[in-house]
Amino acid sequence: MNSRQYWEQRAAQREQEAQLIVEKYLAQMQQRLKEAQRDIVRQIEAFYARYARDNKLSLYEAKKILTSQEIEEFKQVDLARFRAMALAGNPQYENLLNAVSYRVRISRLECF
């Protein structure tokens, strides 16, 4: 075996070693990504469960209420009306604010 063949063989071997390292790294990253996704789903479900418990609702009802529509409804409430609801101690104010708070947290997690 001449010097050129030796170095070509050596380069091919190093390429294979590098490929194995990359494959191992990608497998680890894929596993971590799956774990992160499961964790995010658990967090979202925990928000739904907490909202349902705090408002004495079923999980199904909580998920139905905490839709993206809830944020749109919140945006449609003008500031003066919202302020008046807060000052009057209107229970809808607290419920609306609470629902939007939960929905924003859930939306933030769903973006991942």
N, C-alpha and C. Protein backbone atom coordinates (compact mmCIF):
# COMPACT_ATOMS: atom_id res chain seq x y z
N MET A 1 0.85 -1.17 0.00
CA MET A 1 0.00 0.00 0.00
C MET A 1 0.90 1.23 0.00
N ASN A 2 0.66 2.11 -0.95
CA ASN A 2 1.48 3.31 -1.00
C ASN A 2 0.89 4.39 -0.09
N SER A 3 1.60 5.46 0.03
CA SER A 3 1.24 6.52 0.95
C SER A 3 -0.12 7.14 0.60
N ARG A 4 -0.36 7.31 -0.68
CA ARG A 4 -1.63 7.91 -1.12
C ARG A 4 -2.80 7.02 -0.75
N GLN A 5 -2.69 5.74 -0.97
CA GLN A 5 -3.76 4.81 -0.63
C GLN A 5 -4.01 4.79 0.88
N TYR A 6 -2.92 4.83 1.61
CA TYR A 6 -3.03 4.83 3.06
C TYR A 6 -3.86 6.03 3.53
N TRP A 7 -3.53 7.22 3.03
CA TRP A 7 -4.23 8.43 3.46
C TRP A 7 -5.68 8.46 2.98
N GLU A 8 -5.94 7.91 1.81
CA GLU A 8 -7.32 7.82 1.33
C GLU A 8 -8.13 6.89 2.23
N GLN A 9 -7.51 5.77 2.59
CA GLN A 9 -8.18 4.82 3.47
C GLN A 9 -8.40 5.44 4.86
N ARG A 10 -7.41 6.13 5.30
CA ARG A 10 -7.49 6.79 6.61
C ARG A 10 -8.57 7.87 6.61
N ALA A 11 -8.69 8.64 5.54
CA ALA A 11 -9.73 9.68 5.42
C ALA A 11 -11.11 9.04 5.38
N ALA A 12 -11.26 7.94 4.67
CA ALA A 12 -12.54 7.24 4.60
C ALA A 12 -12.93 6.73 5.98
N GLN A 13 -11.96 6.21 6.71
CA GLN A 13 -12.23 5.71 8.06
C GLN A 13 -12.67 6.85 8.98
N ARG A 14 -12.00 7.97 8.90
CA ARG A 14 -12.35 9.13 9.73
C ARG A 14 -13.74 9.65 9.36
N GLU A 15 -14.08 9.58 8.07
CA GLU A 15 -15.41 10.01 7.62
C GLU A 15 -16.49 9.10 8.22
N GLN A 16 -16.22 7.80 8.25
CA GLN A 16 -17.17 6.86 8.84
C GLN A 16 -17.34 7.12 10.34
N GLU A 17 -16.24 7.37 11.02
CA GLU A 17 -16.30 7.67 12.45
C GLU A 17 -17.11 8.93 12.71
N ALA A 18 -16.87 9.94 11.89
CA ALA A 18 -17.61 11.20 12.03
C ALA A 18 -19.10 10.97 11.78
N GLN A 19 -19.41 10.15 10.79
CA GLN A 19 -20.81 9.86 10.47
C GLN A 19 -21.49 9.15 11.65
N LEU A 20 -20.80 8.23 12.29
CA LEU A 20 -21.35 7.54 13.46
C LEU A 20 -21.62 8.52 14.61
N ILE A 21 -20.70 9.44 14.81
CA ILE A 21 -20.86 10.44 15.86
C ILE A 21 -22.08 11.31 15.56
N VAL A 22 -22.23 11.72 14.31
CA VAL A 22 -23.36 12.55 13.91
C VAL A 22 -24.67 11.79 14.11
N GLU A 23 -24.71 10.53 13.70
CA GLU A 23 -25.93 9.74 13.85
C GLU A 23 -26.31 9.59 15.32
N LYS A 24 -25.32 9.37 16.17
CA LYS A 24 -25.57 9.25 17.60
C LYS A 24 -26.10 10.57 18.16
N TYR A 25 -25.50 11.66 17.75
CA TYR A 25 -25.93 12.98 18.20
C TYR A 25 -27.35 13.27 17.75
N LEU A 26 -27.67 12.97 16.49
CA LEU A 26 -29.02 13.21 15.98
C LEU A 26 -30.06 12.36 16.71
N ALA A 27 -29.70 11.13 17.04
CA ALA A 27 -30.62 10.26 17.79
C ALA A 27 -30.88 10.84 19.18
N GLN A 28 -29.84 11.35 19.81
CA GLN A 28 -30.01 11.98 21.13
C GLN A 28 -30.88 13.23 21.04
N MET A 29 -30.65 14.03 20.03
CA MET A 29 -31.43 15.25 19.85
C MET A 29 -32.89 14.93 19.56
N GLN A 30 -33.13 13.91 18.78
CA GLN A 30 -34.50 13.51 18.49
C GLN A 30 -35.20 13.04 19.76
N GLN A 31 -34.50 12.31 20.60
CA GLN A 31 -35.07 11.86 21.87
C GLN A 31 -35.39 13.05 22.76
N ARG A 32 -34.48 14.00 22.83
CA ARG A 32 -34.70 15.19 23.65
C ARG A 32 -35.87 16.01 23.12
N LEU A 33 -36.00 16.10 21.82
CA LEU A 33 -37.12 16.82 21.22
C LEU A 33 -38.45 16.15 21.59
N LYS A 34 -38.51 14.83 21.52
CA LYS A 34 -39.72 14.11 21.90
C LYS A 34 -40.06 14.36 23.37
N GLU A 35 -39.04 14.35 24.23
CA GLU A 35 -39.25 14.61 25.65
C GLU A 35 -39.78 16.03 25.86
N ALA A 36 -39.22 16.98 25.14
CA ALA A 36 -39.66 18.37 25.26
C ALA A 36 -41.11 18.51 24.80
N GLN A 37 -41.46 17.84 23.70
CA GLN A 37 -42.83 17.89 23.21
C GLN A 37 -43.80 17.29 24.23
N ARG A 38 -43.42 16.16 24.83
CA ARG A 38 -44.28 15.55 25.86
C ARG A 38 -44.43 16.49 27.05
N ASP A 39 -43.36 17.15 27.43
CA ASP A 39 -43.40 18.08 28.55
C ASP A 39 -44.33 19.26 28.25
N ILE A 40 -44.26 19.77 27.05
CA ILE A 40 -45.13 20.89 26.66
C ILE A 40 -46.59 20.46 26.68
N VAL A 41 -46.88 19.28 26.18
CA VAL A 41 -48.26 18.77 26.20
C VAL A 41 -48.73 18.61 27.64
N ARG A 42 -47.86 18.11 28.51
CA ARG A 42 -48.22 17.98 29.94
C ARG A 42 -48.52 19.34 30.56
N GLN A 43 -47.71 20.34 30.21
CA GLN A 43 -47.94 21.68 30.75
C GLN A 43 -49.27 22.25 30.26
N ILE A 44 -49.56 22.06 28.99
CA ILE A 44 -50.83 22.54 28.43
C ILE A 44 -52.00 21.86 29.13
N GLU A 45 -51.91 20.55 29.28
CA GLU A 45 -52.98 19.81 29.96
C GLU A 45 -53.12 20.27 31.41
N ALA A 46 -52.02 20.61 32.05
CA ALA A 46 -52.07 21.09 33.43
C ALA A 46 -52.79 22.44 33.50
N PHE A 47 -52.55 23.31 32.52
CA PHE A 47 -53.27 24.59 32.49
C PHE A 47 -54.77 24.37 32.33
N TYR A 48 -55.14 23.49 31.40
CA TYR A 48 -56.55 23.18 31.22
C TYR A 48 -57.15 22.62 32.51
N ALA A 49 -56.46 21.68 33.14
CA ALA A 49 -56.97 21.06 34.35
C ALA A 49 -57.11 22.07 35.48
N ARG A 50 -56.13 22.95 35.62
CA ARG A 50 -56.19 23.96 36.68
C ARG A 50 -57.34 24.93 36.44
N TYR A 51 -57.51 25.34 35.17
CA TYR A 51 -58.61 26.24 34.85
C TYR A 51 -59.94 25.56 35.13
N ALA A 52 -60.05 24.30 34.74
CA ALA A 52 -61.29 23.55 34.98
C ALA A 52 -61.56 23.44 36.48
N ARG A 53 -60.54 23.12 37.25
CA ARG A 53 -60.70 22.98 38.70
C ARG A 53 -61.07 24.31 39.35
N ASP A 54 -60.36 25.39 38.97
CA ASP A 54 -60.62 26.70 39.56
C ASP A 54 -62.02 27.22 39.25
N ASN A 55 -62.55 26.84 38.10
CA ASN A 55 -63.86 27.34 37.68
C ASN A 55 -64.95 26.28 37.79
N LYS A 56 -64.61 25.17 38.41
CA LYS A 56 -65.57 24.08 38.63
C LYS A 56 -66.24 23.64 37.33
N LEU A 57 -65.40 23.35 36.35
CA LEU A 57 -65.85 22.91 35.03
C LEU A 57 -65.26 21.54 34.73
N SER A 58 -65.83 20.89 33.74
CA SER A 58 -65.22 19.65 33.26
C SER A 58 -64.03 20.04 32.38
N LEU A 59 -63.15 19.10 32.15
CA LEU A 59 -62.00 19.35 31.29
C LEU A 59 -62.45 19.71 29.88
N TYR A 60 -63.49 19.03 29.41
CA TYR A 60 -64.03 19.31 28.08
C TYR A 60 -64.54 20.75 28.00
N GLU A 61 -65.27 21.18 29.02
CA GLU A 61 -65.80 22.55 29.02
C GLU A 61 -64.66 23.57 29.07
N ALA A 62 -63.64 23.28 29.86
CA ALA A 62 -62.51 24.19 29.95
C ALA A 62 -61.82 24.34 28.60
N LYS A 63 -61.62 23.22 27.92
CA LYS A 63 -60.97 23.28 26.60
C LYS A 63 -61.83 24.03 25.60
N LYS A 64 -63.12 23.89 25.73
CA LYS A 64 -64.05 24.58 24.82
C LYS A 64 -64.01 26.09 25.06
N ILE A 65 -63.93 26.47 26.33
CA ILE A 65 -63.89 27.89 26.67
C ILE A 65 -62.56 28.52 26.29
N LEU A 66 -61.49 27.82 26.55
CA LEU A 66 -60.15 28.37 26.32
C LEU A 66 -59.69 28.16 24.88
N THR A 67 -60.42 28.71 23.99
CA THR A 67 -60.05 28.65 22.58
C THR A 67 -59.41 29.97 22.19
N SER A 68 -58.92 30.04 21.01
CA SER A 68 -58.36 31.30 20.51
C SER A 68 -59.43 32.38 20.43
N GLN A 69 -60.65 31.95 20.34
CA GLN A 69 -61.77 32.89 20.29
C GLN A 69 -61.81 33.73 21.57
N GLU A 70 -61.40 33.14 22.67
CA GLU A 70 -61.40 33.84 23.95
C GLU A 70 -60.52 35.09 23.87
N ILE A 71 -59.39 35.00 23.22
CA ILE A 71 -58.50 36.15 23.06
C ILE A 71 -59.16 37.20 22.18
N GLU A 72 -59.80 36.76 21.11
CA GLU A 72 -60.50 37.71 20.23
C GLU A 72 -61.60 38.45 20.98
N GLU A 73 -62.35 37.73 21.83
CA GLU A 73 -63.40 38.38 22.61
C GLU A 73 -62.78 39.40 23.56
N PHE A 74 -61.64 39.05 24.14
CA PHE A 74 -60.97 39.97 25.04
C PHE A 74 -60.53 41.23 24.30
N LYS A 75 -60.03 41.08 23.10
CA LYS A 75 -59.59 42.22 22.31
C LYS A 75 -60.75 43.12 21.94
N GLN A 76 -61.92 42.53 21.78
CA GLN A 76 -63.10 43.31 21.38
C GLN A 76 -63.67 44.13 22.53
N VAL A 77 -63.39 43.74 23.75
CA VAL A 77 -63.86 44.50 24.91
C VAL A 77 -63.02 45.78 24.96
N ASP A 78 -63.68 46.92 24.81
CA ASP A 78 -62.90 48.15 24.81
C ASP A 78 -62.40 48.45 26.22
N LEU A 79 -61.39 49.24 26.29
CA LEU A 79 -60.71 49.51 27.55
C LEU A 79 -61.64 50.14 28.57
N ALA A 80 -62.48 51.07 28.14
CA ALA A 80 -63.38 51.74 29.07
C ALA A 80 -64.35 50.73 29.70
N ARG A 81 -64.88 49.85 28.88
CA ARG A 81 -65.82 48.84 29.38
C ARG A 81 -65.11 47.88 30.34
N PHE A 82 -63.92 47.51 29.99
CA PHE A 82 -63.14 46.60 30.83
C PHE A 82 -62.83 47.27 32.17
N ARG A 83 -62.47 48.53 32.14
CA ARG A 83 -62.18 49.27 33.37
C ARG A 83 -63.43 49.39 34.23
N ALA A 84 -64.56 49.67 33.60
CA ALA A 84 -65.82 49.77 34.34
C ALA A 84 -66.17 48.44 34.99
N MET A 85 -65.94 47.34 34.28
CA MET A 85 -66.20 46.01 34.84
C MET A 85 -65.31 45.77 36.06
N ALA A 86 -64.07 46.20 35.97
CA ALA A 86 -63.13 45.99 37.08
C ALA A 86 -63.54 46.81 38.29
N LEU A 87 -63.88 48.06 38.07
CA LEU A 87 -64.24 48.93 39.18
C LEU A 87 -65.56 48.53 39.83
N ALA A 88 -66.46 47.98 39.04
CA ALA A 88 -67.76 47.58 39.56
C ALA A 88 -67.69 46.24 40.29
N GLY A 89 -66.56 45.57 40.20
CA GLY A 89 -66.42 44.27 40.84
C GLY A 89 -67.23 43.20 40.14
N ASN A 90 -67.42 43.40 38.84
CA ASN A 90 -68.19 42.46 38.03
C ASN A 90 -67.46 41.11 37.98
N PRO A 91 -68.14 40.02 38.34
CA PRO A 91 -67.47 38.70 38.32
C PRO A 91 -67.06 38.28 36.90
N GLN A 92 -67.71 38.82 35.89
CA GLN A 92 -67.32 38.50 34.52
C GLN A 92 -65.92 39.03 34.23
N TYR A 93 -65.56 40.14 34.84
CA TYR A 93 -64.23 40.72 34.65
C TYR A 93 -63.17 39.72 35.08
N GLU A 94 -63.34 39.20 36.29
CA GLU A 94 -62.36 38.24 36.82
C GLU A 94 -62.32 36.98 35.96
N ASN A 95 -63.48 36.48 35.57
CA ASN A 95 -63.54 35.28 34.74
C ASN A 95 -62.89 35.51 33.38
N LEU A 96 -63.19 36.64 32.78
CA LEU A 96 -62.63 36.96 31.46
C LEU A 96 -61.11 37.11 31.55
N LEU A 97 -60.66 37.82 32.54
CA LEU A 97 -59.22 38.03 32.71
C LEU A 97 -58.52 36.70 32.98
N ASN A 98 -59.12 35.88 33.81
CA ASN A 98 -58.55 34.58 34.14
C ASN A 98 -58.48 33.70 32.89
N ALA A 99 -59.55 33.64 32.13
CA ALA A 99 -59.59 32.81 30.93
C ALA A 99 -58.54 33.26 29.92
N VAL A 100 -58.44 34.55 29.73
CA VAL A 100 -57.46 35.07 28.76
C VAL A 100 -56.04 34.77 29.24
N SER A 101 -55.82 34.89 30.53
CA SER A 101 -54.49 34.59 31.07
C SER A 101 -54.10 33.14 30.79
N TYR A 102 -55.01 32.22 31.04
CA TYR A 102 -54.74 30.81 30.77
C TYR A 102 -54.53 30.58 29.27
N ARG A 103 -55.39 31.19 28.45
CA ARG A 103 -55.30 30.98 27.00
C ARG A 103 -53.97 31.48 26.46
N VAL A 104 -53.49 32.61 26.94
CA VAL A 104 -52.21 33.16 26.48
C VAL A 104 -51.07 32.21 26.84
N ARG A 105 -51.11 31.66 28.06
CA ARG A 105 -50.07 30.71 28.46
C ARG A 105 -50.09 29.46 27.58
N ILE A 106 -51.30 28.97 27.31
CA ILE A 106 -51.44 27.78 26.47
C ILE A 106 -50.96 28.08 25.06
N SER A 107 -51.35 29.23 24.52
CA SER A 107 -50.93 29.61 23.17
C SER A 107 -49.41 29.70 23.06
N ARG A 108 -48.81 30.24 24.09
CA ARG A 108 -47.35 30.37 24.09
C ARG A 108 -46.69 28.98 24.01
N LEU A 109 -47.24 28.03 24.75
CA LEU A 109 -46.69 26.68 24.72
C LEU A 109 -46.98 25.97 23.39
N GLU A 110 -48.14 26.24 22.82
CA GLU A 110 -48.50 25.59 21.57
C GLU A 110 -47.61 26.03 20.41
N CYS A 111 -47.00 27.19 20.54
CA CYS A 111 -46.12 27.68 19.48
C CYS A 111 -44.86 26.83 19.36
N PHE A 112 -44.53 26.13 20.40
CA PHE A 112 -43.35 25.27 20.36
C PHE A 112 -43.72 24.01 19.67
